[in-house]
């Protein structure tokens, strides 16, 4: 897959590069990221190097793009968003993301999700039919971000995910290429 930079004029999404390694290490020290994202803990420089040099590069090569979230075309990385595709499930991808603490609650992640979904559904991008999301129960900020972008709640997977050796419940939602963007109805109270 050819790498693509995406922007809406407020956020820019581009492939993570070597100069992002220190920012990734700094951001991933946040206990809130470690609580909700399946990253190594403690998170060190070698983890960020692997993410940038191997995982991101292989992801783009295999049709699973990962972007650095930036507030200007050449600005410092403040988060990541990606669309992971499994070879046995063509036409579908799982969205995953995190954002540095000081940039939360400003609508930036919703913008990044919108850009990633637009690229994912676009026939000139990935041509996906479905983008699904899952998050550990209690991650209300993640749920709010996808709900704002048209993801429909699909249920609860009891002990459906593993985080550092412990099974946890997770919520599930998805957006189809035929679903309109914008806030989705039908989410249960408290999610």
N, C-alpha and C. Protein backbone atom coordinates (compact mmCIF):
# COMPACT_ATOMS: atom_id res chain seq x y z
N UNK A 1 0.85 -1.18 0.00
CA UNK A 1 0.00 0.00 0.00
C UNK A 1 0.90 1.24 0.00
N UNK A 2 0.54 2.18 -0.84
CA UNK A 2 1.28 3.44 -0.89
C UNK A 2 0.94 4.28 0.33
N UNK A 3 1.97 4.80 0.98
CA UNK A 3 1.75 5.64 2.16
C UNK A 3 1.01 6.91 1.77
N UNK A 4 0.09 7.31 2.64
CA UNK A 4 -0.67 8.52 2.39
C UNK A 4 -0.71 9.38 3.65
N UNK A 5 -0.51 10.67 3.48
CA UNK A 5 -0.71 11.64 4.55
C UNK A 5 -2.12 12.18 4.38
N UNK A 6 -2.85 12.27 5.49
CA UNK A 6 -4.23 12.73 5.47
C UNK A 6 -4.34 13.97 6.36
N UNK A 7 -5.20 14.91 5.98
CA UNK A 7 -5.43 16.07 6.85
C UNK A 7 -6.81 16.65 6.63
N UNK A 8 -7.30 17.29 7.69
CA UNK A 8 -8.53 18.07 7.58
C UNK A 8 -8.23 19.54 7.89
N UNK A 9 -6.95 19.89 7.96
CA UNK A 9 -6.52 21.24 8.27
C UNK A 9 -6.33 21.50 9.76
N UNK A 10 -6.79 20.59 10.60
CA UNK A 10 -6.59 20.69 12.04
C UNK A 10 -5.65 19.60 12.53
N UNK A 11 -5.84 18.39 12.04
CA UNK A 11 -4.93 17.28 12.34
C UNK A 11 -4.33 16.75 11.04
N UNK A 12 -3.11 16.25 11.16
CA UNK A 12 -2.42 15.62 10.04
C UNK A 12 -2.09 14.20 10.46
N UNK A 13 -2.32 13.25 9.58
CA UNK A 13 -1.95 11.86 9.81
C UNK A 13 -0.86 11.49 8.81
N UNK A 14 0.28 11.05 9.33
CA UNK A 14 1.38 10.61 8.47
C UNK A 14 2.08 9.45 9.15
N UNK A 15 2.80 8.68 8.38
CA UNK A 15 3.48 7.51 8.95
C UNK A 15 4.47 7.94 10.04
N UNK A 16 4.51 7.21 11.16
CA UNK A 16 5.52 7.50 12.19
C UNK A 16 6.93 7.30 11.62
N UNK A 17 7.84 8.19 12.01
CA UNK A 17 9.22 8.14 11.51
C UNK A 17 10.19 8.15 12.69
N UNK A 18 11.47 7.96 12.38
CA UNK A 18 12.52 7.89 13.40
C UNK A 18 12.45 9.06 14.38
N UNK A 19 12.20 10.25 13.88
CA UNK A 19 12.19 11.42 14.77
C UNK A 19 11.00 11.42 15.73
N UNK A 20 10.06 10.48 15.58
CA UNK A 20 8.92 10.36 16.49
C UNK A 20 9.20 9.45 17.68
N UNK A 21 10.32 8.74 17.67
CA UNK A 21 10.58 7.73 18.69
C UNK A 21 10.53 8.32 20.10
N UNK A 22 11.20 9.42 20.33
CA UNK A 22 11.20 10.01 21.68
C UNK A 22 9.80 10.43 22.11
N UNK A 23 9.03 11.01 21.21
CA UNK A 23 7.65 11.42 21.56
C UNK A 23 6.79 10.21 21.90
N UNK A 24 6.97 9.12 21.18
CA UNK A 24 6.21 7.90 21.46
C UNK A 24 6.56 7.38 22.85
N UNK A 25 7.85 7.33 23.15
CA UNK A 25 8.28 6.86 24.47
C UNK A 25 7.68 7.74 25.56
N UNK A 26 7.75 9.05 25.40
CA UNK A 26 7.19 9.98 26.40
C UNK A 26 5.70 9.75 26.59
N UNK A 27 4.96 9.71 25.50
CA UNK A 27 3.51 9.55 25.58
C UNK A 27 3.12 8.23 26.24
N UNK A 28 3.86 7.17 25.93
CA UNK A 28 3.50 5.84 26.43
C UNK A 28 3.90 5.61 27.88
N UNK A 29 4.39 6.65 28.55
CA UNK A 29 4.61 6.57 29.99
C UNK A 29 3.32 6.88 30.75
N UNK A 30 2.33 7.42 30.05
CA UNK A 30 1.05 7.79 30.65
C UNK A 30 0.32 6.53 31.13
N UNK A 31 0.02 6.43 32.42
CA UNK A 31 -0.69 5.25 32.93
C UNK A 31 -2.04 5.03 32.26
N UNK A 32 -2.70 6.09 31.80
CA UNK A 32 -3.99 5.92 31.13
C UNK A 32 -3.84 5.19 29.81
N UNK A 33 -2.77 5.44 29.08
CA UNK A 33 -2.55 4.70 27.82
C UNK A 33 -2.29 3.24 28.15
N UNK A 34 -1.44 2.97 29.13
CA UNK A 34 -1.13 1.59 29.51
C UNK A 34 -2.36 0.84 30.02
N UNK A 35 -3.31 1.57 30.63
CA UNK A 35 -4.52 0.93 31.13
C UNK A 35 -5.43 0.43 30.01
N UNK A 36 -5.45 1.14 28.89
CA UNK A 36 -6.42 0.84 27.84
C UNK A 36 -5.82 0.28 26.56
N UNK A 37 -4.52 0.42 26.36
CA UNK A 37 -3.88 0.02 25.09
C UNK A 37 -2.92 -1.13 25.37
N UNK A 38 -2.88 -2.09 24.48
CA UNK A 38 -2.02 -3.26 24.67
C UNK A 38 -0.59 -2.96 24.26
N UNK A 39 0.06 -2.11 25.06
CA UNK A 39 1.47 -1.78 24.85
C UNK A 39 2.29 -2.46 25.95
N UNK A 40 3.59 -2.66 25.71
CA UNK A 40 4.43 -3.20 26.79
C UNK A 40 4.51 -2.21 27.95
N UNK A 41 4.58 -2.75 29.15
CA UNK A 41 4.76 -1.94 30.35
C UNK A 41 5.86 -2.58 31.18
N UNK A 42 6.93 -1.87 31.50
CA UNK A 42 7.18 -0.48 31.13
C UNK A 42 7.48 -0.36 29.63
N UNK A 43 7.20 0.82 29.08
CA UNK A 43 7.41 1.08 27.66
C UNK A 43 8.73 1.83 27.50
N UNK A 44 9.64 1.26 26.72
CA UNK A 44 10.95 1.87 26.56
C UNK A 44 11.28 2.23 25.12
N UNK A 45 12.46 2.75 24.94
CA UNK A 45 12.92 3.19 23.62
C UNK A 45 12.91 2.03 22.61
N UNK A 46 13.32 0.86 23.03
CA UNK A 46 13.34 -0.30 22.11
C UNK A 46 11.94 -0.61 21.61
N UNK A 47 10.93 -0.43 22.45
CA UNK A 47 9.54 -0.67 22.04
C UNK A 47 9.12 0.33 20.96
N UNK A 48 9.47 1.59 21.16
CA UNK A 48 9.12 2.62 20.17
C UNK A 48 9.90 2.40 18.87
N UNK A 49 11.15 2.02 18.97
CA UNK A 49 11.94 1.73 17.77
C UNK A 49 11.32 0.59 16.98
N UNK A 50 10.92 -0.47 17.67
CA UNK A 50 10.26 -1.60 17.01
C UNK A 50 8.97 -1.14 16.34
N UNK A 51 8.18 -0.33 17.05
CA UNK A 51 6.92 0.15 16.50
C UNK A 51 7.15 0.95 15.21
N UNK A 52 8.10 1.87 15.22
CA UNK A 52 8.36 2.72 14.06
C UNK A 52 9.04 1.95 12.93
N UNK A 53 10.10 1.22 13.25
CA UNK A 53 10.93 0.59 12.22
C UNK A 53 10.35 -0.70 11.67
N UNK A 54 9.62 -1.42 12.48
CA UNK A 54 9.15 -2.73 12.04
C UNK A 54 7.64 -2.78 11.90
N UNK A 55 6.95 -2.57 13.00
CA UNK A 55 5.50 -2.76 12.98
C UNK A 55 4.80 -1.81 12.02
N UNK A 56 5.14 -0.53 12.08
CA UNK A 56 4.51 0.44 11.19
C UNK A 56 4.89 0.16 9.74
N UNK A 57 6.17 -0.10 9.48
CA UNK A 57 6.62 -0.37 8.11
C UNK A 57 5.95 -1.62 7.55
N UNK A 58 5.92 -2.69 8.35
CA UNK A 58 5.28 -3.92 7.89
C UNK A 58 3.78 -3.73 7.72
N UNK A 59 3.18 -2.92 8.60
CA UNK A 59 1.75 -2.66 8.48
C UNK A 59 1.41 -1.99 7.16
N UNK A 60 2.15 -0.95 6.81
CA UNK A 60 1.90 -0.28 5.53
C UNK A 60 2.11 -1.26 4.38
N UNK A 61 3.16 -2.06 4.44
CA UNK A 61 3.44 -3.01 3.35
C UNK A 61 2.34 -4.06 3.23
N UNK A 62 1.70 -4.41 4.36
CA UNK A 62 0.67 -5.45 4.36
C UNK A 62 -0.74 -4.88 4.25
N UNK A 63 -0.88 -3.59 4.01
CA UNK A 63 -2.21 -2.99 3.88
C UNK A 63 -2.88 -2.66 5.19
N UNK A 64 -2.10 -2.50 6.27
CA UNK A 64 -2.62 -2.12 7.58
C UNK A 64 -1.93 -0.82 8.01
N UNK A 65 -2.42 0.32 7.50
CA UNK A 65 -1.73 1.59 7.77
C UNK A 65 -1.82 2.03 9.22
N UNK A 66 -0.76 2.68 9.66
CA UNK A 66 -0.69 3.30 10.97
C UNK A 66 -0.17 4.71 10.76
N UNK A 67 -0.83 5.68 11.37
CA UNK A 67 -0.44 7.07 11.22
C UNK A 67 -0.06 7.67 12.56
N UNK A 68 0.88 8.60 12.52
CA UNK A 68 1.15 9.50 13.64
C UNK A 68 0.12 10.62 13.54
N UNK A 69 -0.43 11.03 14.66
CA UNK A 69 -1.34 12.17 14.69
C UNK A 69 -0.51 13.40 15.02
N UNK A 70 -0.64 14.44 14.20
CA UNK A 70 0.12 15.67 14.38
C UNK A 70 -0.84 16.87 14.28
N UNK A 71 -0.44 17.98 14.88
CA UNK A 71 -1.25 19.19 14.83
C UNK A 71 -0.81 20.14 13.74
N UNK A 72 0.18 19.76 12.98
CA UNK A 72 0.68 20.48 11.81
C UNK A 72 1.42 19.46 10.96
N UNK A 73 1.60 19.75 9.71
CA UNK A 73 2.18 18.76 8.79
C UNK A 73 3.50 18.18 9.28
N UNK A 74 4.34 18.99 9.86
CA UNK A 74 5.66 18.52 10.31
C UNK A 74 5.82 18.62 11.83
N UNK A 75 4.71 18.70 12.55
CA UNK A 75 4.75 18.85 14.01
C UNK A 75 5.06 17.52 14.70
N UNK A 76 5.27 17.63 15.98
CA UNK A 76 5.56 16.50 16.86
C UNK A 76 4.36 15.55 16.92
N UNK A 77 4.62 14.26 17.00
CA UNK A 77 3.59 13.25 17.17
C UNK A 77 2.89 13.47 18.51
N UNK A 78 1.54 13.43 18.49
CA UNK A 78 0.76 13.55 19.73
C UNK A 78 -0.11 12.31 19.96
N UNK A 79 -0.07 11.36 19.05
CA UNK A 79 -0.85 10.13 19.17
C UNK A 79 -0.69 9.29 17.93
N UNK A 80 -1.41 8.18 17.89
CA UNK A 80 -1.42 7.33 16.71
C UNK A 80 -2.83 6.83 16.44
N UNK A 81 -3.09 6.48 15.20
CA UNK A 81 -4.33 5.83 14.81
C UNK A 81 -3.97 4.86 13.69
N UNK A 82 -4.58 3.69 13.69
CA UNK A 82 -4.28 2.71 12.65
C UNK A 82 -5.48 1.86 12.31
N UNK A 83 -5.40 1.25 11.14
CA UNK A 83 -6.42 0.31 10.66
C UNK A 83 -5.74 -1.03 10.42
N UNK A 84 -6.01 -1.99 11.30
CA UNK A 84 -5.38 -3.31 11.19
C UNK A 84 -6.27 -4.27 10.43
N UNK A 85 -5.69 -4.88 9.40
CA UNK A 85 -6.41 -5.83 8.56
C UNK A 85 -5.85 -7.22 8.80
N UNK A 86 -6.73 -8.19 8.95
CA UNK A 86 -6.30 -9.59 9.04
C UNK A 86 -6.42 -10.19 7.65
N UNK A 87 -5.41 -10.93 7.20
CA UNK A 87 -5.46 -11.51 5.84
C UNK A 87 -6.70 -12.36 5.59
N UNK A 88 -7.22 -13.02 6.62
CA UNK A 88 -8.39 -13.89 6.44
C UNK A 88 -9.70 -13.11 6.46
N UNK A 89 -9.65 -11.79 6.62
CA UNK A 89 -10.87 -10.99 6.73
C UNK A 89 -10.78 -9.77 5.83
N UNK A 90 -10.59 -9.99 4.54
CA UNK A 90 -10.49 -8.87 3.60
C UNK A 90 -11.77 -8.05 3.61
N UNK A 91 -11.61 -6.77 3.45
CA UNK A 91 -12.75 -5.87 3.43
C UNK A 91 -13.12 -5.34 4.80
N UNK A 92 -12.39 -5.77 5.83
CA UNK A 92 -12.66 -5.33 7.19
C UNK A 92 -11.35 -4.97 7.87
N UNK A 93 -11.42 -3.99 8.78
CA UNK A 93 -10.24 -3.61 9.56
C UNK A 93 -10.67 -3.22 10.96
N UNK A 94 -9.73 -3.33 11.90
CA UNK A 94 -9.97 -2.87 13.27
C UNK A 94 -9.24 -1.57 13.48
N UNK A 95 -9.95 -0.58 14.01
CA UNK A 95 -9.32 0.71 14.29
C UNK A 95 -8.78 0.71 15.72
N UNK A 96 -7.61 1.29 15.87
CA UNK A 96 -7.00 1.42 17.19
C UNK A 96 -6.30 2.76 17.28
N UNK A 97 -6.20 3.31 18.49
CA UNK A 97 -5.64 4.66 18.61
C UNK A 97 -5.30 4.98 20.05
N UNK A 98 -4.48 6.01 20.22
CA UNK A 98 -4.20 6.62 21.52
C UNK A 98 -3.78 8.06 21.29
N UNK A 99 -3.92 8.88 22.32
CA UNK A 99 -3.61 10.30 22.23
C UNK A 99 -2.96 10.77 23.53
N UNK A 100 -1.95 11.61 23.39
CA UNK A 100 -1.26 12.17 24.57
C UNK A 100 -2.25 12.91 25.45
N UNK A 101 -2.03 12.82 26.76
CA UNK A 101 -2.96 13.36 27.75
C UNK A 101 -3.30 14.84 27.52
N UNK A 102 -2.30 15.65 27.21
CA UNK A 102 -2.54 17.09 27.09
C UNK A 102 -3.36 17.47 25.86
N UNK A 103 -3.62 16.52 24.98
CA UNK A 103 -4.39 16.82 23.77
C UNK A 103 -5.78 16.19 23.77
N UNK A 104 -6.14 15.54 24.85
CA UNK A 104 -7.46 14.90 24.94
C UNK A 104 -8.56 15.93 25.21
N UNK A 105 -9.78 15.53 24.91
CA UNK A 105 -10.99 16.33 25.15
C UNK A 105 -11.05 17.59 24.31
N UNK A 106 -10.41 17.55 23.15
CA UNK A 106 -10.44 18.69 22.23
C UNK A 106 -11.01 18.30 20.86
N UNK A 107 -11.48 17.06 20.74
CA UNK A 107 -12.04 16.59 19.48
C UNK A 107 -11.01 16.13 18.46
N UNK A 108 -9.74 16.10 18.85
CA UNK A 108 -8.68 15.73 17.90
C UNK A 108 -8.77 14.26 17.50
N UNK A 109 -9.07 13.39 18.46
CA UNK A 109 -9.15 11.98 18.11
C UNK A 109 -10.34 11.71 17.20
N UNK A 110 -11.45 12.37 17.44
CA UNK A 110 -12.60 12.20 16.54
C UNK A 110 -12.24 12.61 15.12
N UNK A 111 -11.47 13.68 14.98
CA UNK A 111 -11.02 14.11 13.65
C UNK A 111 -10.10 13.06 13.02
N UNK A 112 -9.19 12.51 13.81
CA UNK A 112 -8.27 11.50 13.30
C UNK A 112 -9.04 10.23 12.88
N UNK A 113 -10.02 9.84 13.69
CA UNK A 113 -10.85 8.68 13.35
C UNK A 113 -11.61 8.94 12.05
N UNK A 114 -12.16 10.12 11.89
CA UNK A 114 -12.89 10.46 10.66
C UNK A 114 -11.98 10.34 9.43
N UNK A 115 -10.76 10.88 9.53
CA UNK A 115 -9.82 10.79 8.41
C UNK A 115 -9.47 9.34 8.10
N UNK A 116 -9.17 8.56 9.14
CA UNK A 116 -8.81 7.15 8.93
C UNK A 116 -9.97 6.38 8.31
N UNK A 117 -11.20 6.63 8.79
CA UNK A 117 -12.37 5.95 8.22
C UNK A 117 -12.61 6.35 6.78
N UNK A 118 -12.50 7.64 6.49
CA UNK A 118 -12.66 8.09 5.10
C UNK A 118 -11.69 7.37 4.18
N UNK A 119 -10.42 7.28 4.61
CA UNK A 119 -9.41 6.56 3.82
C UNK A 119 -9.75 5.07 3.74
N UNK A 120 -10.17 4.50 4.85
CA UNK A 120 -10.49 3.07 4.87
C UNK A 120 -11.64 2.71 3.95
N UNK A 121 -12.67 3.54 3.90
CA UNK A 121 -13.83 3.24 3.07
C UNK A 121 -13.66 3.66 1.60
N UNK A 122 -12.81 4.59 1.34
CA UNK A 122 -12.60 5.10 -0.02
C UNK A 122 -12.03 4.01 -0.93
N UNK A 123 -12.61 3.86 -2.10
CA UNK A 123 -12.10 2.85 -3.05
C UNK A 123 -10.68 3.18 -3.50
N UNK A 124 -10.29 4.46 -3.43
CA UNK A 124 -8.92 4.84 -3.77
C UNK A 124 -8.00 4.67 -2.56
N UNK A 125 -8.56 4.35 -1.40
CA UNK A 125 -7.79 4.07 -0.18
C UNK A 125 -7.72 2.57 0.01
N UNK A 126 -8.53 2.08 0.96
CA UNK A 126 -8.51 0.65 1.25
C UNK A 126 -9.74 -0.08 0.72
N UNK A 127 -10.80 0.65 0.41
CA UNK A 127 -12.01 0.02 -0.12
C UNK A 127 -12.68 -0.93 0.86
N UNK A 128 -12.65 -0.60 2.14
CA UNK A 128 -13.23 -1.49 3.16
C UNK A 128 -14.75 -1.45 3.16
N UNK A 129 -15.34 -2.52 3.63
CA UNK A 129 -16.78 -2.61 3.85
C UNK A 129 -17.12 -2.30 5.30
N UNK A 130 -16.20 -2.66 6.20
CA UNK A 130 -16.48 -2.57 7.64
C UNK A 130 -15.21 -2.16 8.38
N UNK A 131 -15.38 -1.27 9.37
CA UNK A 131 -14.30 -0.94 10.31
C UNK A 131 -14.86 -1.20 11.70
N UNK A 132 -14.20 -2.07 12.43
CA UNK A 132 -14.70 -2.40 13.77
C UNK A 132 -13.76 -1.87 14.84
N UNK A 133 -14.32 -1.75 16.03
CA UNK A 133 -13.63 -1.18 17.18
C UNK A 133 -13.93 -2.05 18.39
N UNK A 134 -12.95 -2.16 19.26
CA UNK A 134 -13.19 -2.78 20.56
C UNK A 134 -12.35 -2.04 21.58
N UNK A 135 -12.87 -1.98 22.79
CA UNK A 135 -12.15 -1.33 23.88
C UNK A 135 -12.54 -2.01 25.18
N UNK A 136 -11.58 -2.05 26.09
CA UNK A 136 -11.87 -2.63 27.39
C UNK A 136 -13.01 -1.87 28.04
N UNK A 137 -13.89 -2.60 28.70
CA UNK A 137 -15.03 -1.98 29.39
C UNK A 137 -14.50 -0.93 30.36
N UNK A 138 -15.11 0.24 30.28
CA UNK A 138 -14.71 1.37 31.11
C UNK A 138 -13.99 2.45 30.35
N UNK A 139 -13.56 2.17 29.12
CA UNK A 139 -12.85 3.17 28.32
C UNK A 139 -13.89 4.06 27.61
N UNK A 140 -14.51 4.91 28.41
CA UNK A 140 -15.59 5.77 27.91
C UNK A 140 -15.11 6.80 26.89
N UNK A 141 -13.89 7.29 27.02
CA UNK A 141 -13.38 8.27 26.06
C UNK A 141 -13.23 7.64 24.68
N UNK A 142 -12.75 6.42 24.62
CA UNK A 142 -12.63 5.73 23.33
C UNK A 142 -14.00 5.48 22.71
N UNK A 143 -14.94 5.06 23.55
CA UNK A 143 -16.31 4.82 23.06
C UNK A 143 -16.93 6.11 22.52
N UNK A 144 -16.73 7.22 23.21
CA UNK A 144 -17.30 8.49 22.76
C UNK A 144 -16.71 8.91 21.42
N UNK A 145 -15.42 8.65 21.21
CA UNK A 145 -14.77 9.05 19.96
C UNK A 145 -15.34 8.29 18.76
N UNK A 146 -15.53 6.98 18.88
CA UNK A 146 -16.07 6.24 17.73
C UNK A 146 -17.57 6.46 17.57
N UNK A 147 -18.28 6.61 18.67
CA UNK A 147 -19.71 6.89 18.58
C UNK A 147 -19.95 8.19 17.81
N UNK A 148 -19.11 9.18 18.04
CA UNK A 148 -19.23 10.47 17.35
C UNK A 148 -18.99 10.34 15.85
N UNK A 149 -18.33 9.25 15.44
CA UNK A 149 -18.02 9.05 14.02
C UNK A 149 -18.89 7.99 13.36
N UNK A 150 -20.02 7.66 13.96
CA UNK A 150 -21.00 6.79 13.31
C UNK A 150 -20.85 5.32 13.60
N UNK A 151 -20.02 4.93 14.55
CA UNK A 151 -19.90 3.52 14.90
C UNK A 151 -21.12 3.08 15.70
N UNK A 152 -21.67 1.94 15.35
CA UNK A 152 -22.85 1.39 16.01
C UNK A 152 -22.41 0.36 17.05
N UNK A 153 -22.97 0.44 18.23
CA UNK A 153 -22.66 -0.50 19.30
C UNK A 153 -23.13 -1.89 18.91
N UNK A 154 -22.26 -2.89 19.09
CA UNK A 154 -22.60 -4.26 18.73
C UNK A 154 -22.60 -5.22 19.90
N UNK A 155 -22.08 -4.79 21.05
CA UNK A 155 -22.19 -5.69 22.19
C UNK A 155 -20.99 -5.71 23.10
N UNK A 156 -21.05 -6.66 24.01
CA UNK A 156 -20.05 -6.88 25.04
C UNK A 156 -19.49 -8.27 24.85
N UNK A 157 -18.18 -8.38 24.80
CA UNK A 157 -17.52 -9.69 24.75
C UNK A 157 -16.97 -9.97 26.14
N UNK A 158 -17.63 -10.88 26.84
CA UNK A 158 -17.21 -11.20 28.21
C UNK A 158 -15.86 -11.92 28.17
N UNK A 159 -14.88 -11.32 28.89
CA UNK A 159 -13.51 -11.83 28.93
C UNK A 159 -12.97 -12.06 27.52
N UNK A 160 -13.35 -11.16 26.62
CA UNK A 160 -13.01 -11.31 25.20
C UNK A 160 -11.63 -10.82 24.79
N UNK A 161 -10.91 -10.15 25.68
CA UNK A 161 -9.59 -9.63 25.33
C UNK A 161 -8.61 -9.91 26.47
N UNK A 162 -7.34 -9.83 26.12
CA UNK A 162 -6.29 -10.07 27.11
C UNK A 162 -5.39 -8.84 27.16
N UNK A 163 -5.11 -8.39 28.36
CA UNK A 163 -4.17 -7.28 28.58
C UNK A 163 -3.12 -7.76 29.57
N UNK A 164 -1.90 -7.90 29.07
CA UNK A 164 -0.77 -8.35 29.89
C UNK A 164 -1.12 -9.54 30.76
N UNK A 165 -1.71 -10.56 30.13
CA UNK A 165 -1.97 -11.82 30.81
C UNK A 165 -3.30 -11.93 31.55
N UNK A 166 -4.07 -10.84 31.62
CA UNK A 166 -5.36 -10.88 32.31
C UNK A 166 -6.50 -10.71 31.31
N UNK A 167 -7.47 -11.60 31.41
CA UNK A 167 -8.66 -11.50 30.55
C UNK A 167 -9.57 -10.41 31.06
N UNK A 168 -10.09 -9.61 30.10
CA UNK A 168 -11.00 -8.51 30.44
C UNK A 168 -12.16 -8.47 29.45
N UNK A 169 -13.28 -7.96 29.93
CA UNK A 169 -14.43 -7.74 29.04
C UNK A 169 -14.11 -6.58 28.10
N UNK A 170 -14.69 -6.64 26.88
CA UNK A 170 -14.56 -5.48 26.00
C UNK A 170 -15.87 -5.19 25.28
N UNK A 171 -16.03 -3.90 24.97
CA UNK A 171 -17.15 -3.45 24.16
C UNK A 171 -16.78 -3.57 22.69
N UNK A 172 -17.81 -3.71 21.85
CA UNK A 172 -17.60 -3.80 20.40
C UNK A 172 -18.54 -2.85 19.68
N UNK A 173 -18.05 -2.27 18.61
CA UNK A 173 -18.86 -1.42 17.74
C UNK A 173 -18.26 -1.48 16.35
N UNK A 174 -19.01 -1.04 15.37
CA UNK A 174 -18.50 -1.03 14.00
C UNK A 174 -19.24 0.02 13.19
N UNK A 175 -18.59 0.38 12.12
CA UNK A 175 -19.20 1.27 11.12
C UNK A 175 -19.03 0.60 9.76
N UNK A 176 -20.11 0.57 9.01
CA UNK A 176 -20.06 0.03 7.66
C UNK A 176 -19.87 1.17 6.68
N UNK A 177 -19.42 0.84 5.48
CA UNK A 177 -19.21 1.89 4.48
C UNK A 177 -20.52 2.55 4.07
N UNK A 178 -21.64 1.95 4.41
CA UNK A 178 -22.95 2.53 4.10
C UNK A 178 -23.53 3.34 5.27
N UNK A 179 -22.88 3.28 6.44
CA UNK A 179 -23.33 4.06 7.60
C UNK A 179 -22.87 5.50 7.47
N UNK A 180 -23.75 6.43 7.78
CA UNK A 180 -23.33 7.83 7.70
C UNK A 180 -22.38 8.20 8.83
N UNK A 181 -21.46 9.13 8.57
CA UNK A 181 -20.64 9.63 9.67
C UNK A 181 -21.51 10.48 10.59
N UNK A 182 -21.01 10.78 11.74
CA UNK A 182 -21.77 11.58 12.69
C UNK A 182 -22.27 10.70 13.81
N UNK A 183 -22.78 11.30 14.87
CA UNK A 183 -23.17 10.56 16.06
C UNK A 183 -24.12 9.41 15.77
N UNK A 184 -23.83 8.27 16.38
CA UNK A 184 -24.66 7.07 16.21
C UNK A 184 -25.56 6.89 17.41
N UNK A 185 -26.79 6.49 17.14
CA UNK A 185 -27.75 6.17 18.19
C UNK A 185 -27.61 4.70 18.57
N UNK A 186 -28.32 4.30 19.61
CA UNK A 186 -28.42 2.89 19.96
C UNK A 186 -27.36 2.39 20.92
N UNK A 187 -26.55 3.29 21.46
CA UNK A 187 -25.55 2.87 22.45
C UNK A 187 -26.25 2.76 23.80
N UNK A 188 -25.93 1.73 24.58
CA UNK A 188 -26.55 1.63 25.91
C UNK A 188 -26.09 2.74 26.84
N UNK A 189 -26.92 3.08 27.78
CA UNK A 189 -26.55 4.09 28.78
C UNK A 189 -25.31 3.60 29.52
N UNK A 190 -24.42 4.48 29.80
CA UNK A 190 -23.23 4.13 30.57
C UNK A 190 -22.05 3.64 29.74
N UNK A 191 -22.20 3.59 28.44
CA UNK A 191 -21.08 3.16 27.58
C UNK A 191 -20.53 4.38 26.88
